[in-house]
Amino acid sequence: MNDGEGLKLDVLVVAAHPDDAEICVGGALLKLKAAGRRIGIVDLTRGEMGTRGTSADRAREVAAANEMLRLDVRENLDLPDGRVQDTLEARERLAALFRRHAPSVVLAQHHIDHHPDHAAAGRIAREAWYLAGLKKLAEATGGGQARRPTRFYHYMGHVPFDPTFVVDIGSVWAAKRDLVACYESQLRPDGRADDGSHFLYGSDIQQRMETRARFYGERIGVRHGEPLLAIGPLPCFDPLLG
């Protein structure tokens, strides 16, 4: 995996925590990589406040997921887990990464979500997307040439939305399950007292992931799908790979 020194990307995913990108758009990332695209993830935190697992566990799991995805770039802003705030500093740091890696497409969490970190990540990403294209700001902050990604889409977290389009991930569904299984500390109970009640909708992440994929896949006539949302209309083209 590239260490993040300015590699031009096709798609960059912004996620509040390690595993968010894999759970929500891991299928799309697997398809993109199979198509020869350059892909990356920016995690805003290291997930250190999670009820399950340790920081060392999360680091090992991220490394395993990186290898399976064959990511070109993975960055981390090291914002505090559980306390992500939409600040000027966070926006400008993310905007600098957008300029450095010049992704054509950014995928980010939706700004309406029950988890405050997810909601803040969506706002930060949307604002950073705009700031990345401001020439004078780029010059003032020394973050590279002003470049705004061509497309910006939200992926689904805890709150459903009516998607603009759905990515058919049927061909990589088994691989996506294996990818998410890299985060084993988040999938297994942490002792007998752990019944998953600290999660919003229970502890079986893989089962909930499949329920969503089957529901949105059915809406486009396939077995498994990942929903994405664009703000405003899109022209007639392949919005993810085109």
Protein backbone atom coordinates (compact mmCIF):
# COMPACT_ATOMS: atom_id res chain seq x y z
CA MET A 1 0.00 0.00 0.00
CA ASN A 2 1.22 3.47 -0.85
CA ASP A 3 2.14 5.63 2.14
CA GLY A 4 0.06 8.56 0.91
CA GLU A 5 2.64 10.73 -0.85
CA GLY A 6 0.40 12.30 -3.45
CA LEU A 7 -0.78 9.29 -5.46
CA LYS A 8 -3.63 10.28 -7.80
CA LEU A 9 -6.75 8.33 -6.83
CA ASP A 10 -9.94 7.47 -8.65
CA VAL A 11 -12.05 7.07 -5.48
CA LEU A 12 -11.40 8.16 -1.89
CA VAL A 13 -13.65 7.09 0.99
CA VAL A 14 -13.94 9.23 4.13
CA ALA A 15 -14.92 7.31 7.27
CA ALA A 16 -15.23 8.24 10.93
CA HIS A 17 -13.79 4.92 12.16
CA PRO A 18 -11.76 2.02 10.82
CA ASP A 19 -14.30 -0.56 9.50
CA ASP A 20 -16.96 2.02 8.51
CA ALA A 21 -15.75 2.13 4.90
CA GLU A 22 -15.53 -1.65 4.64
CA ILE A 23 -18.98 -2.26 6.14
CA CYS A 24 -20.74 0.42 4.10
CA VAL A 25 -18.95 0.46 0.72
CA GLY A 26 -16.52 -2.44 0.88
CA GLY A 27 -18.22 -4.08 -2.09
CA ALA A 28 -17.84 -0.99 -4.25
CA LEU A 29 -14.17 -0.75 -3.27
CA LEU A 30 -13.56 -4.40 -4.17
CA LYS A 31 -15.20 -3.88 -7.57
CA LEU A 32 -13.23 -0.71 -8.21
CA LYS A 33 -9.93 -2.40 -7.43
CA ALA A 34 -10.85 -5.38 -9.66
CA ALA A 35 -11.49 -2.85 -12.45
CA GLY A 36 -7.97 -1.47 -12.02
CA ARG A 37 -8.94 1.73 -10.22
CA ARG A 38 -6.83 3.46 -7.59
CA ILE A 39 -8.68 3.58 -4.30
CA GLY A 40 -8.06 4.99 -0.84
CA ILE A 41 -9.61 5.51 2.59
CA VAL A 42 -9.24 8.35 5.08
CA ASP A 43 -10.25 7.35 8.61
CA LEU A 44 -10.86 10.34 10.87
CA THR A 45 -10.16 8.38 14.08
CA ARG A 46 -8.52 5.10 15.09
CA GLY A 47 -11.65 3.75 16.78
CA GLU A 48 -9.92 3.77 20.14
CA MET A 49 -13.11 4.38 22.15
CA GLY A 50 -14.91 1.31 20.82
CA THR A 51 -16.41 -0.96 23.48
CA ARG A 52 -14.94 -4.02 21.81
CA GLY A 53 -11.26 -4.58 21.09
CA THR A 54 -8.11 -2.62 21.86
CA SER A 55 -6.17 -0.05 19.86
CA ALA A 56 -3.66 -2.79 19.01
CA ASP A 57 -6.50 -5.03 17.80
CA ARG A 58 -7.83 -2.26 15.56
CA ALA A 59 -4.40 -1.56 14.08
CA ARG A 60 -3.92 -5.25 13.17
CA GLU A 61 -7.39 -5.42 11.70
CA VAL A 62 -6.85 -2.32 9.56
CA ALA A 63 -3.63 -3.84 8.21
CA ALA A 64 -5.47 -7.04 7.28
CA ALA A 65 -8.27 -5.11 5.56
CA ASN A 66 -5.75 -2.98 3.67
CA GLU A 67 -4.09 -6.10 2.31
CA MET A 68 -7.37 -7.65 1.23
CA LEU A 69 -8.55 -4.46 -0.47
CA ARG A 70 -5.11 -3.80 -1.99
CA LEU A 71 -5.59 -0.14 -1.08
CA ASP A 72 -3.37 2.40 -2.76
CA VAL A 73 -3.67 4.89 0.13
CA ARG A 74 -4.91 4.81 3.71
CA GLU A 75 -4.64 7.94 5.82
CA ASN A 76 -5.78 8.81 9.35
CA LEU A 77 -6.49 12.31 10.69
CA ASP A 78 -6.15 11.09 14.32
CA LEU A 79 -9.20 12.98 15.53
CA PRO A 80 -10.52 11.83 18.93
CA ASP A 81 -12.89 8.88 18.66
CA GLY A 82 -16.34 9.63 20.06
CA ARG A 83 -15.59 13.37 19.95
CA VAL A 84 -15.27 14.18 16.26
CA GLN A 85 -16.15 17.83 15.66
CA ASP A 86 -16.73 19.73 12.43
CA THR A 87 -13.94 22.26 12.96
CA LEU A 88 -12.07 24.54 10.59
CA GLU A 89 -8.87 22.57 11.26
CA ALA A 90 -10.51 19.23 10.42
CA ARG A 91 -12.01 20.60 7.21
CA GLU A 92 -8.74 22.12 6.03
CA ARG A 93 -6.70 19.00 6.85
CA LEU A 94 -9.11 16.85 4.87
CA ALA A 95 -9.23 19.39 2.03
CA ALA A 96 -5.42 19.17 1.83
CA LEU A 97 -5.71 15.38 1.41
CA PHE A 98 -8.27 15.87 -1.35
CA ARG A 99 -5.85 18.19 -3.13
CA ARG A 100 -2.90 15.86 -2.59
CA HIS A 101 -4.61 12.71 -3.87
CA ALA A 102 -6.96 14.43 -6.37
CA PRO A 103 -9.70 11.77 -6.29
CA SER A 104 -12.29 11.92 -9.03
CA VAL A 105 -14.94 10.61 -6.61
CA VAL A 106 -15.33 11.05 -2.85
CA LEU A 107 -17.61 8.75 -0.82
CA ALA A 108 -18.51 9.92 2.69
CA GLN A 109 -20.96 9.20 5.47
CA HIS A 110 -24.26 11.02 5.48
CA HIS A 111 -24.57 14.08 7.70
CA ILE A 112 -27.79 12.68 9.18
CA ASP A 113 -26.82 9.75 11.40
CA HIS A 114 -27.46 8.62 14.97
CA HIS A 115 -23.72 8.32 15.67
CA PRO A 116 -22.38 11.86 16.14
CA ASP A 117 -18.97 10.89 14.73
CA HIS A 118 -20.59 9.65 11.52
CA ALA A 119 -22.69 12.79 11.16
CA ALA A 120 -19.69 15.04 11.81
CA ALA A 121 -17.59 13.06 9.31
CA GLY A 122 -20.24 13.65 6.64
CA ARG A 123 -20.27 17.39 7.29
CA ILE A 124 -16.47 17.64 7.40
CA ALA A 125 -16.13 15.75 4.13
CA ARG A 126 -18.77 17.83 2.33
CA GLU A 127 -17.17 21.10 3.45
CA ALA A 128 -13.64 19.86 2.70
CA TRP A 129 -14.78 18.87 -0.79
CA TYR A 130 -15.74 22.48 -1.46
CA LEU A 131 -12.67 24.00 0.21
CA ALA A 132 -10.34 21.78 -1.81
CA GLY A 133 -11.21 23.78 -4.91
CA LEU A 134 -10.38 27.24 -3.52
CA LYS A 135 -7.15 28.48 -5.11
CA LYS A 136 -6.29 31.17 -2.57
CA LEU A 137 -6.98 28.88 0.38
CA ALA A 138 -4.71 26.24 -1.12
CA GLU A 139 -1.98 28.85 -1.55
CA ALA A 140 -2.46 30.18 1.98
CA THR A 141 -2.37 26.78 3.66
CA GLY A 142 0.34 25.20 1.53
CA GLY A 143 -1.73 22.12 0.86
CA GLY A 144 -1.03 21.75 -2.85
CA GLN A 145 -2.82 22.86 -6.00
CA ALA A 146 -6.54 23.62 -5.69
CA ARG A 147 -8.50 20.61 -6.95
CA ARG A 148 -12.10 19.74 -6.15
CA PRO A 149 -13.19 16.12 -6.71
CA THR A 150 -15.64 15.82 -9.60
CA ARG A 151 -18.21 13.73 -7.74
CA PHE A 152 -19.26 13.55 -4.09
CA TYR A 153 -21.61 10.85 -2.80
CA HIS A 154 -22.91 9.91 0.64
CA TYR A 155 -23.06 6.28 1.75
CA MET A 156 -25.58 4.95 4.25
CA GLY A 157 -24.97 4.66 7.98
CA HIS A 158 -27.62 4.10 10.63
CA VAL A 159 -30.32 6.26 9.01
CA PRO A 160 -31.81 5.05 5.71
CA PHE A 161 -32.23 7.36 2.74
CA ASP A 162 -33.69 6.99 -0.74
CA PRO A 163 -30.53 6.41 -2.80
CA THR A 164 -29.67 8.08 -6.08
CA PHE A 165 -28.19 4.82 -7.32
CA VAL A 166 -27.24 1.38 -6.00
CA VAL A 167 -23.98 -0.42 -6.79
CA ASP A 168 -24.44 -4.08 -7.72
CA ILE A 169 -21.99 -5.94 -5.46
CA GLY A 170 -23.28 -9.47 -6.04
CA SER A 171 -20.06 -10.59 -7.71
CA VAL A 172 -17.97 -9.58 -4.68
CA TRP A 173 -20.41 -10.30 -1.86
CA ALA A 174 -18.49 -13.26 -0.45
CA ALA A 175 -15.27 -11.23 -0.61
CA LYS A 176 -16.96 -8.33 1.20
CA ARG A 177 -18.00 -10.64 4.03
CA ASP A 178 -14.40 -11.81 4.32
CA LEU A 179 -13.23 -8.20 4.25
CA VAL A 180 -15.50 -7.14 7.11
CA ALA A 181 -14.45 -10.28 9.02
CA CYS A 182 -10.97 -8.72 9.22
CA TYR A 183 -12.46 -6.61 12.04
CA GLU A 184 -13.00 -9.66 14.21
CA SER A 185 -12.83 -7.76 17.50
CA GLN A 186 -15.95 -5.83 16.46
CA LEU A 187 -17.86 -8.96 15.46
CA ARG A 188 -17.42 -11.22 18.48
CA PRO A 189 -18.80 -10.61 22.01
CA ASP A 190 -16.26 -9.20 24.46
CA GLY A 191 -17.05 -11.62 27.27
CA ARG A 192 -20.28 -13.11 28.60
CA ALA A 193 -21.78 -9.77 29.57
CA ASP A 194 -21.51 -8.43 26.01
CA ASP A 195 -24.93 -8.97 24.42
CA GLY A 196 -24.46 -6.25 21.81
CA SER A 197 -26.73 -3.79 23.60
CA HIS A 198 -24.10 -1.05 23.28
CA PHE A 199 -24.81 -1.07 19.52
CA LEU A 200 -27.82 0.81 18.24
CA TYR A 201 -29.34 -2.17 16.43
CA GLY A 202 -27.75 -5.21 18.03
CA SER A 203 -24.40 -6.90 17.75
CA ASP A 204 -24.61 -8.93 14.52
CA ILE A 205 -22.93 -6.54 12.11
CA GLN A 206 -22.63 -9.08 9.29
CA GLN A 207 -26.32 -9.96 9.47
CA ARG A 208 -27.40 -6.32 9.42
CA MET A 209 -25.01 -5.66 6.54
CA GLU A 210 -26.59 -8.48 4.54
CA THR A 211 -30.14 -7.33 5.30
CA ARG A 212 -29.35 -3.91 3.87
CA ALA A 213 -27.51 -5.31 0.86
CA ARG A 214 -30.37 -7.67 0.02
CA PHE A 215 -32.98 -4.91 0.40
CA TYR A 216 -31.23 -2.40 -1.85
CA GLY A 217 -30.06 -5.07 -4.25
CA GLU A 218 -33.64 -6.18 -4.74
CA ARG A 219 -34.63 -2.61 -5.61
CA ILE A 220 -32.38 -2.76 -8.69
CA GLY A 221 -33.06 -6.40 -9.52
CA VAL A 222 -29.86 -7.94 -8.16
CA ARG A 223 -29.02 -9.98 -5.07
CA HIS A 224 -26.79 -7.52 -3.16
CA GLY A 225 -26.35 -3.77 -3.47
CA GLU A 226 -24.78 -0.74 -1.77
CA PRO A 227 -26.82 2.50 -1.80
CA LEU A 228 -25.27 5.91 -2.54
CA LEU A 229 -26.76 9.39 -2.49
CA ALA A 230 -25.90 12.38 -4.67
CA ILE A 231 -27.14 15.86 -3.78
CA GLY A 232 -28.84 17.08 -6.93
CA PRO A 233 -29.37 15.43 -10.33
CA LEU A 234 -26.74 13.45 -12.22
CA PRO A 235 -26.11 13.26 -15.96
CA CYS A 236 -26.68 9.98 -17.78
CA PHE A 237 -23.43 8.07 -17.23
CA ASP A 238 -21.91 5.40 -15.01
CA PRO A 239 -21.62 7.51 -11.84
CA LEU A 240 -19.08 5.33 -10.05
CA LEU A 241 -16.83 3.88 -12.74
CA GLY A 242 -17.52 6.26 -15.63
